[in-house]
Amino acid sequence: MARSAATVLVRKFDHALAWFENLLLVVAAISVLVMMFVTGADVLMRYVLGAPFSWAFDLLTRYLLIAAFFCAFGYTLRVGGHVAVDYFIPKWPTRIREQLLAAAYLLAGVIVLLICWLTAVETVEAWRSDEIISGVIEWPVWLSKIVVPIGLAPLSLRLLLLSLRAVGLYVGHDDALVGNAT
């Protein structure tokens, strides 16, 4: 009975994580759309009116590109969209394959969680010291840095859930990645 209660709890966590990953995917998509609009408007302003946006490059490279990149990580892993080289893995015995996948997911999850923590600490330090990027507009540094731990947190949690699934302790609603490897 305790096992089924734990499974229900992990399943609810999985669904909450999937909801957050979907939300971050929307943020990533909006970032890409804004990048396209700002780039197009900047080109139009540059070549038609001879007056490009002085702030466009900083906005695109320091905020929107980072958001588009990091916010899609968790979702992409959940649906099995990352590049995977699996030539040898399907040839291995199932038990060894599951144990190696679990170990790899666990190790990757811990490493990404550590990077997430360190970047969160760096973000707080940038916020406390009121770091800015000098230019026409004084852009706050913490605002671009906060996207990294926000994007890495669901990725690390998804990796940890996949490690549970790889050894059969949890079967989630998103079988794409583990299903491809078995």
C-alpha atoms as a PDB file:
ATOM      1  CA  MET A   1       0.000   0.000   0.000  1.00  0.00           C
ATOM      2  CA  ALA A   2       2.871   2.375   0.752  1.00  0.00           C
ATOM      3  CA  ARG A   3       4.278   1.644  -2.688  1.00  0.00           C
ATOM      4  CA  SER A   4       1.022   2.593  -4.408  1.00  0.00           C
ATOM      5  CA  ALA A   5       0.776   5.812  -2.357  1.00  0.00           C
ATOM      6  CA  ALA A   6       4.322   6.691  -3.392  1.00  0.00           C
ATOM      7  CA  THR A   7       3.459   5.887  -7.012  1.00  0.00           C
ATOM      8  CA  VAL A   8       0.428   8.173  -6.863  1.00  0.00           C
ATOM      9  CA  LEU A   9       2.565  10.933  -5.387  1.00  0.00           C
ATOM     10  CA  VAL A  10       5.251  10.529  -8.066  1.00  0.00           C
ATOM     11  CA  ARG A  11       2.578  10.443 -10.778  1.00  0.00           C
ATOM     12  CA  LYS A  12       1.085  13.714  -9.498  1.00  0.00           C
ATOM     13  CA  PHE A  13       4.562  15.222  -9.410  1.00  0.00           C
ATOM     14  CA  ASP A  14       5.142  14.000 -12.972  1.00  0.00           C
ATOM     15  CA  HIS A  15       1.933  15.668 -14.159  1.00  0.00           C
ATOM     16  CA  ALA A  16       2.784  18.925 -12.357  1.00  0.00           C
ATOM     17  CA  LEU A  17       6.260  18.841 -13.884  1.00  0.00           C
ATOM     18  CA  ALA A  18       4.769  18.231 -17.351  1.00  0.00           C
ATOM     19  CA  TRP A  19       2.458  21.225 -16.853  1.00  0.00           C
ATOM     20  CA  PHE A  20       5.448  23.418 -15.918  1.00  0.00           C
ATOM     21  CA  GLU A  21       7.453  22.105 -18.891  1.00  0.00           C
ATOM     22  CA  ASN A  22       4.544  22.976 -21.193  1.00  0.00           C
ATOM     23  CA  LEU A  23       4.383  26.470 -19.681  1.00  0.00           C
ATOM     24  CA  LEU A  24       8.114  26.951 -20.268  1.00  0.00           C
ATOM     25  CA  LEU A  25       7.685  25.716 -23.843  1.00  0.00           C
ATOM     26  CA  VAL A  26       5.125  28.482 -24.386  1.00  0.00           C
ATOM     27  CA  VAL A  27       7.651  30.986 -22.992  1.00  0.00           C
ATOM     28  CA  ALA A  28      10.274  29.617 -25.401  1.00  0.00           C
ATOM     29  CA  ALA A  29       7.880  29.886 -28.339  1.00  0.00           C
ATOM     30  CA  ILE A  30       6.913  33.445 -27.436  1.00  0.00           C
ATOM     31  CA  SER A  31      10.613  34.306 -27.152  1.00  0.00           C
ATOM     32  CA  VAL A  32      11.215  32.999 -30.671  1.00  0.00           C
ATOM     33  CA  LEU A  33       8.249  34.956 -32.033  1.00  0.00           C
ATOM     34  CA  VAL A  34       9.423  38.161 -30.351  1.00  0.00           C
ATOM     35  CA  MET A  35      12.946  37.552 -31.693  1.00  0.00           C
ATOM     36  CA  MET A  36      11.530  37.238 -35.207  1.00  0.00           C
ATOM     37  CA  PHE A  37       9.432  40.383 -34.843  1.00  0.00           C
ATOM     38  CA  VAL A  38      12.238  42.484 -33.329  1.00  0.00           C
ATOM     39  CA  THR A  39      14.770  41.261 -35.908  1.00  0.00           C
ATOM     40  CA  GLY A  40      12.390  42.017 -38.772  1.00  0.00           C
ATOM     41  CA  ALA A  41      11.523  45.441 -37.378  1.00  0.00           C
ATOM     42  CA  ASP A  42      15.204  46.199 -36.771  1.00  0.00           C
ATOM     43  CA  VAL A  43      16.102  45.287 -40.362  1.00  0.00           C
ATOM     44  CA  LEU A  44      13.220  47.401 -41.640  1.00  0.00           C
ATOM     45  CA  MET A  45      14.289  50.345 -39.482  1.00  0.00           C
ATOM     46  CA  ARG A  46      17.930  49.948 -40.525  1.00  0.00           C
ATOM     47  CA  TYR A  47      17.457  49.738 -44.286  1.00  0.00           C
ATOM     48  CA  VAL A  48      14.292  51.744 -44.868  1.00  0.00           C
ATOM     49  CA  LEU A  49      14.664  54.546 -42.332  1.00  0.00           C
ATOM     50  CA  GLY A  50      18.384  54.293 -41.604  1.00  0.00           C
ATOM     51  CA  ALA A  51      17.725  54.164 -37.867  1.00  0.00           C
ATOM     52  CA  PRO A  52      18.092  50.666 -36.370  1.00  0.00           C
ATOM     53  CA  PHE A  53      17.055  49.842 -32.823  1.00  0.00           C
ATOM     54  CA  SER A  54      20.042  50.401 -30.559  1.00  0.00           C
ATOM     55  CA  TRP A  55      18.677  47.961 -27.980  1.00  0.00           C
ATOM     56  CA  ALA A  56      17.700  45.055 -30.250  1.00  0.00           C
ATOM     57  CA  PHE A  57      20.963  43.095 -30.150  1.00  0.00           C
ATOM     58  CA  ASP A  58      21.121  43.115 -26.334  1.00  0.00           C
ATOM     59  CA  LEU A  59      17.470  42.108 -25.978  1.00  0.00           C
ATOM     60  CA  LEU A  60      17.840  39.293 -28.493  1.00  0.00           C
ATOM     61  CA  THR A  61      21.136  37.822 -27.314  1.00  0.00           C
ATOM     62  CA  ARG A  62      20.969  38.389 -23.559  1.00  0.00           C
ATOM     63  CA  TYR A  63      17.319  37.616 -22.879  1.00  0.00           C
ATOM     64  CA  LEU A  64      15.193  36.129 -25.655  1.00  0.00           C
ATOM     65  CA  LEU A  65      17.731  33.706 -27.106  1.00  0.00           C
ATOM     66  CA  ILE A  66      18.540  32.386 -23.636  1.00  0.00           C
ATOM     67  CA  ALA A  67      14.832  31.966 -22.855  1.00  0.00           C
ATOM     68  CA  ALA A  68      14.165  30.202 -26.155  1.00  0.00           C
ATOM     69  CA  PHE A  69      17.050  27.820 -25.503  1.00  0.00           C
ATOM     70  CA  PHE A  70      16.749  26.940 -21.816  1.00  0.00           C
ATOM     71  CA  CYS A  71      12.970  26.976 -21.464  1.00  0.00           C
ATOM     72  CA  ALA A  72      12.533  24.142 -23.957  1.00  0.00           C
ATOM     73  CA  PHE A  73      14.924  21.646 -22.309  1.00  0.00           C
ATOM     74  CA  GLY A  74      12.510  19.773 -20.020  1.00  0.00           C
ATOM     75  CA  TYR A  75       9.760  19.435 -22.599  1.00  0.00           C
ATOM     76  CA  THR A  76      12.199  18.264 -25.257  1.00  0.00           C
ATOM     77  CA  LEU A  77      13.521  15.542 -22.961  1.00  0.00           C
ATOM     78  CA  ARG A  78      10.005  14.476 -21.972  1.00  0.00           C
ATOM     79  CA  VAL A  79       8.960  13.888 -25.577  1.00  0.00           C
ATOM     80  CA  GLY A  80      12.253  12.262 -26.560  1.00  0.00           C
ATOM     81  CA  GLY A  81      13.323  15.115 -28.811  1.00  0.00           C
ATOM     82  CA  HIS A  82      16.985  15.279 -27.842  1.00  0.00           C
ATOM     83  CA  VAL A  83      19.593  13.767 -30.124  1.00  0.00           C
ATOM     84  CA  ALA A  84      20.372  10.237 -28.972  1.00  0.00           C
ATOM     85  CA  VAL A  85      22.905   7.819 -30.365  1.00  0.00           C
ATOM     86  CA  ASP A  86      21.573   4.388 -29.532  1.00  0.00           C
ATOM     87  CA  TYR A  87      23.350   2.010 -31.849  1.00  0.00           C
ATOM     88  CA  PHE A  88      24.707  -0.274 -29.098  1.00  0.00           C
ATOM     89  CA  ILE A  89      22.057   0.107 -26.412  1.00  0.00           C
ATOM     90  CA  PRO A  90      19.285  -1.902 -28.144  1.00  0.00           C
ATOM     91  CA  LYS A  91      21.732  -4.801 -28.572  1.00  0.00           C
ATOM     92  CA  TRP A  92      22.387  -5.127 -24.836  1.00  0.00           C
ATOM     93  CA  PRO A  93      20.338  -7.367 -22.549  1.00  0.00           C
ATOM     94  CA  THR A  94      17.286  -5.595 -21.158  1.00  0.00           C
ATOM     95  CA  ARG A  95      18.378  -5.704 -17.512  1.00  0.00           C
ATOM     96  CA  ILE A  96      21.819  -4.221 -18.231  1.00  0.00           C
ATOM     97  CA  ARG A  97      20.272  -1.614 -20.518  1.00  0.00           C
ATOM     98  CA  GLU A  98      17.785  -0.541 -17.844  1.00  0.00           C
ATOM     99  CA  GLN A  99      20.466  -0.331 -15.162  1.00  0.00           C
ATOM    100  CA  LEU A 100      22.810   1.693 -17.369  1.00  0.00           C
ATOM    101  CA  LEU A 101      20.007   4.033 -18.430  1.00  0.00           C
ATOM    102  CA  ALA A 102      18.982   4.505 -14.801  1.00  0.00           C
ATOM    103  CA  ALA A 103      22.573   5.270 -13.793  1.00  0.00           C
ATOM    104  CA  ALA A 104      23.046   7.671 -16.725  1.00  0.00           C
ATOM    105  CA  TYR A 105      19.778   9.500 -16.024  1.00  0.00           C
ATOM    106  CA  LEU A 106      20.587   9.690 -12.327  1.00  0.00           C
ATOM    107  CA  LEU A 107      24.103  10.994 -12.923  1.00  0.00           C
ATOM    108  CA  ALA A 108      22.908  13.511 -15.524  1.00  0.00           C
ATOM    109  CA  GLY A 109      20.076  14.608 -13.218  1.00  0.00           C
ATOM    110  CA  VAL A 110      22.444  15.226 -10.329  1.00  0.00           C
ATOM    111  CA  ILE A 111      24.911  17.127 -12.533  1.00  0.00           C
ATOM    112  CA  VAL A 112      22.174  19.296 -14.059  1.00  0.00           C
ATOM    113  CA  LEU A 113      20.706  19.898 -10.596  1.00  0.00           C
ATOM    114  CA  LEU A 114      24.123  21.049  -9.386  1.00  0.00           C
ATOM    115  CA  ILE A 115      24.471  23.399 -12.365  1.00  0.00           C
ATOM    116  CA  CYS A 116      20.946  24.639 -11.662  1.00  0.00           C
ATOM    117  CA  TRP A 117      21.848  25.379  -8.049  1.00  0.00           C
ATOM    118  CA  LEU A 118      25.097  27.149  -8.950  1.00  0.00           C
ATOM    119  CA  THR A 119      23.419  29.322 -11.575  1.00  0.00           C
ATOM    120  CA  ALA A 120      20.628  30.172  -9.117  1.00  0.00           C
ATOM    121  CA  VAL A 121      23.267  31.308  -6.598  1.00  0.00           C
ATOM    122  CA  GLU A 122      24.950  33.349  -9.335  1.00  0.00           C
ATOM    123  CA  THR A 123      21.590  34.896 -10.231  1.00  0.00           C
ATOM    124  CA  VAL A 124      20.941  35.926  -6.633  1.00  0.00           C
ATOM    125  CA  GLU A 125      24.429  37.444  -6.408  1.00  0.00           C
ATOM    126  CA  ALA A 126      23.823  39.453  -9.608  1.00  0.00           C
ATOM    127  CA  TRP A 127      20.497  40.666  -8.198  1.00  0.00           C
ATOM    128  CA  ARG A 128      21.948  41.612  -4.797  1.00  0.00           C
ATOM    129  CA  SER A 129      24.873  43.491  -6.329  1.00  0.00           C
ATOM    130  CA  ASP A 130      22.555  45.184  -8.845  1.00  0.00           C
ATOM    131  CA  GLU A 131      24.710  44.116 -11.814  1.00  0.00           C
ATOM    132  CA  ILE A 132      23.845  45.777 -15.102  1.00  0.00           C
ATOM    133  CA  ILE A 133      24.958  45.553 -18.703  1.00  0.00           C
ATOM    134  CA  SER A 134      26.010  49.023 -19.760  1.00  0.00           C
ATOM    135  CA  GLY A 135      24.675  50.408 -22.983  1.00  0.00           C
ATOM    136  CA  VAL A 136      21.904  52.598 -24.290  1.00  0.00           C
ATOM    137  CA  ILE A 137      19.649  50.705 -21.897  1.00  0.00           C
ATOM    138  CA  GLU A 138      21.045  49.464 -18.599  1.00  0.00           C
ATOM    139  CA  TRP A 139      19.883  45.855 -18.694  1.00  0.00           C
ATOM    140  CA  PRO A 140      19.764  43.967 -15.366  1.00  0.00           C
ATOM    141  CA  VAL A 141      22.049  40.925 -15.457  1.00  0.00           C
ATOM    142  CA  TRP A 142      19.993  38.833 -13.028  1.00  0.00           C
ATOM    143  CA  LEU A 143      17.037  38.890 -15.402  1.00  0.00           C
ATOM    144  CA  SER A 144      18.982  37.041 -18.071  1.00  0.00           C
ATOM    145  CA  LYS A 145      20.658  34.707 -15.570  1.00  0.00           C
ATOM    146  CA  ILE A 146      17.439  33.603 -13.855  1.00  0.00           C
ATOM    147  CA  VAL A 147      16.258  31.868 -17.023  1.00  0.00           C
ATOM    148  CA  VAL A 148      19.057  29.301 -16.750  1.00  0.00           C
ATOM    149  CA  PRO A 149      18.059  27.734 -13.391  1.00  0.00           C
ATOM    150  CA  ILE A 150      14.375  28.036 -14.282  1.00  0.00           C
ATOM    151  CA  GLY A 151      15.027  26.024 -17.453  1.00  0.00           C
ATOM    152  CA  LEU A 152      17.437  23.548 -15.866  1.00  0.00           C
ATOM    153  CA  ALA A 153      15.266  22.716 -12.834  1.00  0.00           C
ATOM    154  CA  PRO A 154      12.589  20.812 -14.776  1.00  0.00           C
ATOM    155  CA  LEU A 155      15.284  19.163 -16.893  1.00  0.00           C
ATOM    156  CA  SER A 156      17.032  17.807 -13.797  1.00  0.00           C
ATOM    157  CA  LEU A 157      13.759  16.642 -12.260  1.00  0.00           C
ATOM    158  CA  ARG A 158      12.744  14.957 -15.523  1.00  0.00           C
ATOM    159  CA  LEU A 159      16.110  13.152 -15.620  1.00  0.00           C
ATOM    160  CA  LEU A 160      15.574  11.915 -12.056  1.00  0.00           C
ATOM    161  CA  LEU A 161      12.072  10.684 -12.952  1.00  0.00           C
ATOM    162  CA  LEU A 162      13.498   8.901 -15.991  1.00  0.00           C
ATOM    163  CA  SER A 163      16.025   7.151 -13.769  1.00  0.00           C
ATOM    164  CA  LEU A 164      13.116   5.796 -11.690  1.00  0.00           C
ATOM    165  CA  ARG A 165      11.322   4.706 -14.856  1.00  0.00           C
ATOM    166  CA  ALA A 166      14.410   3.030 -16.319  1.00  0.00           C
ATOM    167  CA  VAL A 167      14.514   0.564 -13.419  1.00  0.00           C
ATOM    168  CA  GLY A 168      10.750   0.093 -13.402  1.00  0.00           C
ATOM    169  CA  LEU A 169       9.998   1.929 -10.157  1.00  0.00           C
ATOM    170  CA  TYR A 170       7.685   4.332 -11.917  1.00  0.00           C
ATOM    171  CA  VAL A 171       5.835   4.251 -15.220  1.00  0.00           C
ATOM    172  CA  GLY A 172       4.881   7.760 -16.253  1.00  0.00           C
ATOM    173  CA  HIS A 173       2.510   9.164 -18.808  1.00  0.00           C
ATOM    174  CA  ASP A 174       5.405  10.082 -21.083  1.00  0.00           C
ATOM    175  CA  ASP A 175       7.062   6.932 -22.361  1.00  0.00           C
ATOM    176  CA  ALA A 176       8.785   8.515 -25.356  1.00  0.00           C
ATOM    177  CA  LEU A 177      12.369   8.505 -24.154  1.00  0.00           C
ATOM    178  CA  VAL A 178      12.589   5.265 -22.188  1.00  0.00           C
ATOM    179  CA  GLY A 179      10.315   3.587 -24.721  1.00  0.00           C
ATOM    180  CA  ASN A 180      12.776   4.372 -27.494  1.00  0.00           C
ATOM    181  CA  ALA A 181      15.635   2.740 -25.644  1.00  0.00           C
ATOM    182  CA  THR A 182      13.910  -0.552 -24.835  1.00  0.00           C
END
